[in-house]
N, C-alpha and C. Protein backbone atom coordinates (compact mmCIF):
# COMPACT_ATOMS: atom_id res chain seq x y z
N UNK A 1 54.90 -13.90 18.76
CA UNK A 1 55.92 -13.65 17.76
C UNK A 1 56.51 -14.99 17.32
N UNK A 2 56.65 -15.17 16.02
CA UNK A 2 57.18 -16.41 15.47
C UNK A 2 58.68 -16.52 15.73
N UNK A 3 59.18 -17.76 15.93
CA UNK A 3 60.62 -17.92 16.13
C UNK A 3 61.39 -17.55 14.86
N UNK A 4 62.62 -17.10 15.05
CA UNK A 4 63.46 -16.71 13.91
C UNK A 4 63.92 -17.96 13.18
N UNK A 5 63.80 -17.94 11.86
CA UNK A 5 64.28 -19.02 11.01
C UNK A 5 65.78 -19.24 11.30
N UNK A 6 66.23 -20.49 11.52
CA UNK A 6 67.65 -20.74 11.81
C UNK A 6 68.57 -20.25 10.71
N UNK A 7 68.14 -20.33 9.45
CA UNK A 7 68.98 -19.84 8.35
C UNK A 7 69.15 -18.32 8.45
N UNK A 8 68.09 -17.63 8.82
CA UNK A 8 68.15 -16.19 9.00
C UNK A 8 69.09 -15.85 10.15
N UNK A 9 68.97 -16.59 11.26
CA UNK A 9 69.83 -16.36 12.42
C UNK A 9 71.29 -16.58 12.05
N UNK A 10 71.60 -17.64 11.32
CA UNK A 10 72.98 -17.92 10.91
C UNK A 10 73.52 -16.84 9.98
N UNK A 11 72.68 -16.35 9.09
CA UNK A 11 73.10 -15.29 8.18
C UNK A 11 73.42 -14.01 8.93
N UNK A 12 72.62 -13.69 9.94
CA UNK A 12 72.87 -12.50 10.75
C UNK A 12 74.18 -12.62 11.50
N UNK A 13 74.44 -13.79 12.08
CA UNK A 13 75.68 -14.00 12.83
C UNK A 13 76.88 -13.86 11.91
N UNK A 14 76.81 -14.43 10.71
CA UNK A 14 77.91 -14.34 9.75
C UNK A 14 78.18 -12.89 9.37
N UNK A 15 77.14 -12.13 9.11
CA UNK A 15 77.30 -10.72 8.74
C UNK A 15 77.93 -9.94 9.89
N UNK A 16 77.48 -10.18 11.10
CA UNK A 16 78.04 -9.48 12.26
C UNK A 16 79.51 -9.80 12.44
N UNK A 17 79.87 -11.08 12.24
CA UNK A 17 81.28 -11.47 12.36
C UNK A 17 82.14 -10.72 11.36
N UNK A 18 81.61 -10.48 10.18
CA UNK A 18 82.35 -9.75 9.16
C UNK A 18 82.27 -8.24 9.35
N UNK A 19 81.48 -7.79 10.34
CA UNK A 19 81.35 -6.36 10.58
C UNK A 19 80.49 -5.65 9.55
N UNK A 20 79.62 -6.36 8.88
CA UNK A 20 78.76 -5.78 7.85
C UNK A 20 77.38 -5.50 8.40
N UNK A 21 76.70 -4.59 7.74
CA UNK A 21 75.34 -4.23 8.11
C UNK A 21 74.36 -5.06 7.28
N UNK A 22 73.22 -5.39 7.85
CA UNK A 22 72.17 -6.11 7.15
C UNK A 22 71.08 -5.11 6.78
N UNK A 23 70.61 -5.17 5.54
CA UNK A 23 69.54 -4.27 5.09
C UNK A 23 68.26 -4.57 5.89
N UNK A 24 67.71 -3.54 6.52
CA UNK A 24 66.50 -3.70 7.33
C UNK A 24 65.29 -4.01 6.45
N UNK A 25 65.22 -3.37 5.29
CA UNK A 25 64.08 -3.59 4.39
C UNK A 25 64.04 -5.03 3.91
N UNK A 26 65.17 -5.55 3.47
CA UNK A 26 65.21 -6.94 2.99
C UNK A 26 64.99 -7.93 4.14
N UNK A 27 65.50 -7.59 5.32
CA UNK A 27 65.34 -8.48 6.47
C UNK A 27 63.87 -8.63 6.83
N UNK A 28 63.07 -7.57 6.67
CA UNK A 28 61.64 -7.66 6.96
C UNK A 28 60.96 -8.64 6.02
N UNK A 29 61.54 -8.86 4.84
CA UNK A 29 60.99 -9.83 3.90
C UNK A 29 61.61 -11.22 4.10
N UNK A 30 62.43 -11.36 5.16
CA UNK A 30 63.03 -12.66 5.47
C UNK A 30 64.31 -12.95 4.71
N UNK A 31 64.94 -11.94 4.13
CA UNK A 31 66.18 -12.13 3.38
C UNK A 31 67.34 -11.53 4.17
N UNK A 32 68.50 -12.16 4.07
CA UNK A 32 69.72 -11.62 4.66
C UNK A 32 70.53 -11.03 3.51
N UNK A 33 70.60 -9.72 3.47
CA UNK A 33 71.36 -9.05 2.42
C UNK A 33 72.33 -8.09 3.09
N UNK A 34 73.63 -8.31 2.88
CA UNK A 34 74.64 -7.43 3.43
C UNK A 34 74.74 -6.17 2.57
N UNK A 35 74.81 -5.02 3.24
CA UNK A 35 74.98 -3.78 2.51
C UNK A 35 76.44 -3.68 2.06
N UNK A 36 76.70 -2.73 1.15
CA UNK A 36 78.07 -2.49 0.69
C UNK A 36 78.36 -1.01 0.85
N UNK A 37 79.63 -0.70 1.05
CA UNK A 37 80.03 0.70 1.15
C UNK A 37 80.01 1.33 -0.24
N UNK A 38 79.47 2.54 -0.30
CA UNK A 38 79.40 3.25 -1.57
C UNK A 38 79.30 4.74 -1.27
N UNK A 39 79.28 5.54 -2.31
CA UNK A 39 79.09 6.98 -2.18
C UNK A 39 77.80 7.33 -2.90
N UNK A 40 76.97 8.13 -2.24
CA UNK A 40 75.66 8.45 -2.80
C UNK A 40 75.51 9.95 -2.98
N UNK A 41 74.46 10.33 -3.70
CA UNK A 41 74.08 11.73 -3.89
C UNK A 41 72.72 11.92 -3.26
N UNK A 42 72.59 12.98 -2.47
CA UNK A 42 71.31 13.31 -1.83
C UNK A 42 70.93 14.73 -2.22
N UNK A 43 69.65 14.96 -2.46
CA UNK A 43 69.12 16.28 -2.74
C UNK A 43 68.30 16.73 -1.55
N UNK A 44 68.58 17.94 -1.06
CA UNK A 44 67.91 18.48 0.12
C UNK A 44 67.09 19.70 -0.27
N UNK A 45 65.85 19.74 0.16
CA UNK A 45 64.97 20.88 -0.03
C UNK A 45 64.21 21.09 1.27
N UNK A 46 63.60 22.24 1.39
CA UNK A 46 62.79 22.50 2.58
C UNK A 46 61.57 23.29 2.14
N UNK A 47 60.42 22.94 2.68
CA UNK A 47 59.19 23.67 2.39
C UNK A 47 59.39 25.14 2.78
N UNK A 48 59.06 26.03 1.88
CA UNK A 48 59.21 27.46 2.15
C UNK A 48 60.54 28.02 1.73
N UNK A 49 61.45 27.17 1.25
CA UNK A 49 62.76 27.61 0.78
C UNK A 49 62.86 27.34 -0.70
N UNK A 50 63.41 28.31 -1.43
CA UNK A 50 63.57 28.13 -2.88
C UNK A 50 64.93 27.55 -3.24
N UNK A 51 65.74 27.22 -2.26
CA UNK A 51 67.08 26.69 -2.51
C UNK A 51 67.02 25.17 -2.55
N UNK A 52 67.77 24.59 -3.48
CA UNK A 52 67.96 23.15 -3.56
C UNK A 52 69.44 22.88 -3.36
N UNK A 53 69.78 21.97 -2.46
CA UNK A 53 71.17 21.63 -2.20
C UNK A 53 71.39 20.18 -2.59
N UNK A 54 72.34 19.94 -3.49
CA UNK A 54 72.68 18.59 -3.93
C UNK A 54 74.05 18.27 -3.35
N UNK A 55 74.13 17.21 -2.56
CA UNK A 55 75.40 16.81 -1.95
C UNK A 55 75.81 15.49 -2.59
N UNK A 56 76.98 15.50 -3.20
CA UNK A 56 77.51 14.29 -3.86
C UNK A 56 78.67 13.72 -3.05
N UNK A 57 78.86 12.43 -3.16
CA UNK A 57 80.00 11.78 -2.51
C UNK A 57 79.80 11.49 -1.05
N UNK A 58 78.56 11.29 -0.62
CA UNK A 58 78.28 10.97 0.78
C UNK A 58 78.58 9.48 1.01
N UNK A 59 79.48 9.16 1.94
CA UNK A 59 79.72 7.75 2.22
C UNK A 59 78.50 7.14 2.91
N UNK A 60 78.10 5.96 2.43
CA UNK A 60 76.90 5.32 2.97
C UNK A 60 77.00 3.81 2.79
N UNK A 61 76.12 3.12 3.46
CA UNK A 61 75.92 1.68 3.25
C UNK A 61 74.71 1.56 2.33
N UNK A 62 74.83 0.78 1.25
CA UNK A 62 73.77 0.66 0.26
C UNK A 62 73.43 -0.81 0.06
N UNK A 63 72.14 -1.13 0.05
CA UNK A 63 71.70 -2.50 -0.20
C UNK A 63 71.77 -2.77 -1.69
N UNK A 64 72.48 -3.81 -2.11
CA UNK A 64 72.58 -4.11 -3.54
C UNK A 64 71.30 -4.69 -4.13
N UNK A 65 70.35 -5.09 -3.27
CA UNK A 65 69.11 -5.68 -3.76
C UNK A 65 68.00 -4.63 -3.91
N UNK A 66 67.71 -3.91 -2.83
CA UNK A 66 66.58 -2.98 -2.87
C UNK A 66 67.00 -1.51 -3.02
N UNK A 67 68.30 -1.22 -2.83
CA UNK A 67 68.78 0.14 -2.98
C UNK A 67 68.64 1.02 -1.75
N UNK A 68 68.14 0.47 -0.65
CA UNK A 68 68.01 1.24 0.59
C UNK A 68 69.39 1.75 1.00
N UNK A 69 69.45 3.00 1.49
CA UNK A 69 70.73 3.58 1.89
C UNK A 69 70.72 3.92 3.38
N UNK A 70 71.89 3.80 3.99
CA UNK A 70 72.06 4.08 5.41
C UNK A 70 73.28 4.98 5.56
N UNK A 71 73.06 6.17 6.15
CA UNK A 71 74.13 7.13 6.37
C UNK A 71 74.47 7.13 7.85
N UNK A 72 75.76 7.08 8.15
CA UNK A 72 76.25 7.16 9.52
C UNK A 72 75.71 8.42 10.18
N UNK A 73 75.31 8.32 11.45
CA UNK A 73 74.71 9.45 12.16
C UNK A 73 75.65 10.66 12.21
N UNK A 74 76.93 10.44 12.46
CA UNK A 74 77.88 11.56 12.53
C UNK A 74 78.00 12.27 11.18
N UNK A 75 78.00 11.51 10.10
CA UNK A 75 78.06 12.10 8.77
C UNK A 75 76.80 12.89 8.49
N UNK A 76 75.64 12.33 8.86
CA UNK A 76 74.37 13.04 8.66
C UNK A 76 74.35 14.36 9.42
N UNK A 77 74.87 14.37 10.65
CA UNK A 77 74.93 15.60 11.43
C UNK A 77 75.82 16.64 10.77
N UNK A 78 76.97 16.20 10.24
CA UNK A 78 77.89 17.12 9.58
C UNK A 78 77.26 17.72 8.32
N UNK A 79 76.56 16.90 7.56
CA UNK A 79 75.89 17.40 6.36
C UNK A 79 74.83 18.42 6.76
N UNK A 80 74.08 18.13 7.80
CA UNK A 80 73.04 19.06 8.25
C UNK A 80 73.63 20.41 8.66
N UNK A 81 74.83 20.40 9.23
CA UNK A 81 75.47 21.65 9.67
C UNK A 81 75.71 22.62 8.51
N UNK A 82 76.03 22.09 7.33
CA UNK A 82 76.24 23.04 6.23
C UNK A 82 75.04 23.16 5.30
N UNK A 83 74.14 22.19 5.27
CA UNK A 83 72.96 22.29 4.42
C UNK A 83 71.90 23.21 5.04
N UNK A 84 71.71 23.11 6.34
CA UNK A 84 70.67 23.88 7.03
C UNK A 84 70.75 25.39 6.76
N UNK A 85 71.93 26.03 6.91
CA UNK A 85 71.99 27.47 6.64
C UNK A 85 71.66 27.83 5.18
N UNK A 86 72.03 26.97 4.25
CA UNK A 86 71.72 27.23 2.84
C UNK A 86 70.22 27.18 2.60
N UNK A 87 69.55 26.21 3.21
CA UNK A 87 68.11 26.11 3.04
C UNK A 87 67.40 27.27 3.75
N UNK A 88 67.90 27.70 4.88
CA UNK A 88 67.32 28.84 5.59
C UNK A 88 67.44 30.12 4.76
N UNK A 89 68.56 30.27 4.06
CA UNK A 89 68.78 31.44 3.21
C UNK A 89 67.65 31.58 2.19
N UNK A 90 67.16 30.47 1.69
CA UNK A 90 66.11 30.48 0.68
C UNK A 90 64.75 30.91 1.18
N UNK A 91 64.58 31.07 2.49
CA UNK A 91 63.29 31.48 3.05
C UNK A 91 63.09 33.00 2.99
N UNK A 92 64.18 33.76 2.91
CA UNK A 92 64.08 35.21 2.93
C UNK A 92 63.72 35.79 1.57
N UNK A 93 63.57 37.10 1.53
CA UNK A 93 63.30 37.79 0.27
C UNK A 93 64.63 38.24 -0.32
N UNK A 94 64.86 37.87 -1.56
CA UNK A 94 66.12 38.18 -2.23
C UNK A 94 65.83 38.65 -3.65
N UNK A 95 66.74 39.45 -4.17
CA UNK A 95 66.58 39.91 -5.55
C UNK A 95 67.18 38.91 -6.53
N UNK A 96 68.08 38.07 -6.06
CA UNK A 96 68.67 37.05 -6.92
C UNK A 96 67.72 35.86 -7.05
N UNK A 97 67.80 35.17 -8.18
CA UNK A 97 67.02 33.94 -8.28
C UNK A 97 67.66 32.91 -7.35
N UNK A 98 66.86 32.04 -6.79
CA UNK A 98 67.37 31.08 -5.82
C UNK A 98 68.23 30.03 -6.51
N UNK A 99 69.36 29.73 -5.90
CA UNK A 99 70.31 28.82 -6.54
C UNK A 99 70.03 27.35 -6.26
N UNK A 100 70.63 26.55 -7.11
CA UNK A 100 70.76 25.12 -6.85
C UNK A 100 72.22 24.96 -6.48
N UNK A 101 72.48 24.60 -5.25
CA UNK A 101 73.84 24.51 -4.73
C UNK A 101 74.30 23.07 -4.83
N UNK A 102 75.48 22.86 -5.40
CA UNK A 102 76.03 21.51 -5.52
C UNK A 102 77.27 21.42 -4.63
N UNK A 103 77.30 20.44 -3.75
CA UNK A 103 78.42 20.21 -2.85
C UNK A 103 78.98 18.84 -3.17
N UNK A 104 80.27 18.77 -3.43
CA UNK A 104 80.90 17.47 -3.72
C UNK A 104 81.90 17.18 -2.62
N UNK A 105 81.65 16.10 -1.88
CA UNK A 105 82.54 15.70 -0.80
C UNK A 105 83.68 14.87 -1.38
N UNK A 106 84.86 15.10 -0.93
CA UNK A 106 86.00 14.26 -1.31
C UNK A 106 85.99 13.06 -0.38
N UNK A 107 86.20 11.88 -0.91
CA UNK A 107 86.03 10.66 -0.12
C UNK A 107 86.86 10.64 1.15
N UNK A 108 88.11 11.11 1.13
CA UNK A 108 88.93 11.05 2.34
C UNK A 108 88.43 12.03 3.39
N UNK A 109 87.89 13.17 2.98
CA UNK A 109 87.38 14.15 3.93
C UNK A 109 86.09 13.67 4.55
N UNK A 110 85.34 12.86 3.85
CA UNK A 110 84.01 12.45 4.32
C UNK A 110 84.05 11.28 5.28
N UNK A 111 85.19 10.63 5.41
CA UNK A 111 85.27 9.47 6.30
C UNK A 111 85.22 9.90 7.75
N UNK A 112 84.44 9.22 8.55
CA UNK A 112 84.34 9.50 9.97
C UNK A 112 84.87 8.29 10.73
N UNK A 113 85.73 8.55 11.69
CA UNK A 113 86.31 7.43 12.46
C UNK A 113 85.30 6.86 13.40
C-alpha cells in the first residue's frame, strides 16, 4: 500500500478538527472535499410493490463536488420505520390505484442529537 500524501493527511486532520465529514468518493480520487449539511429528497420503491414513497427534507451531508450524499444512521432507521409499511401495502391486492406518497420532513423534527 502506498504511503498517504502529506497534503491529503493534513487536509483530513483539518476537516476532523472542524468536525466535518470528508467525501469518500472524492477521497478515493485523492481529493479532500468537505461535505456540507443540506436537506435532500429520496424516492423509495420496492420490487413487487406498486407504491412509490418520496421523502423530502431529509437532513444529510452532501459533497459539493460529486453530489454524493450521506444520511445519519439514526435518521435512516427512522425513515425506514415509516416507509417500510407503505411499501409493504403496495404488495397486496387492492381496488384502488397505487399511490405516490409524499412525505415532507420539517427540519427541526428531522434533527437527531
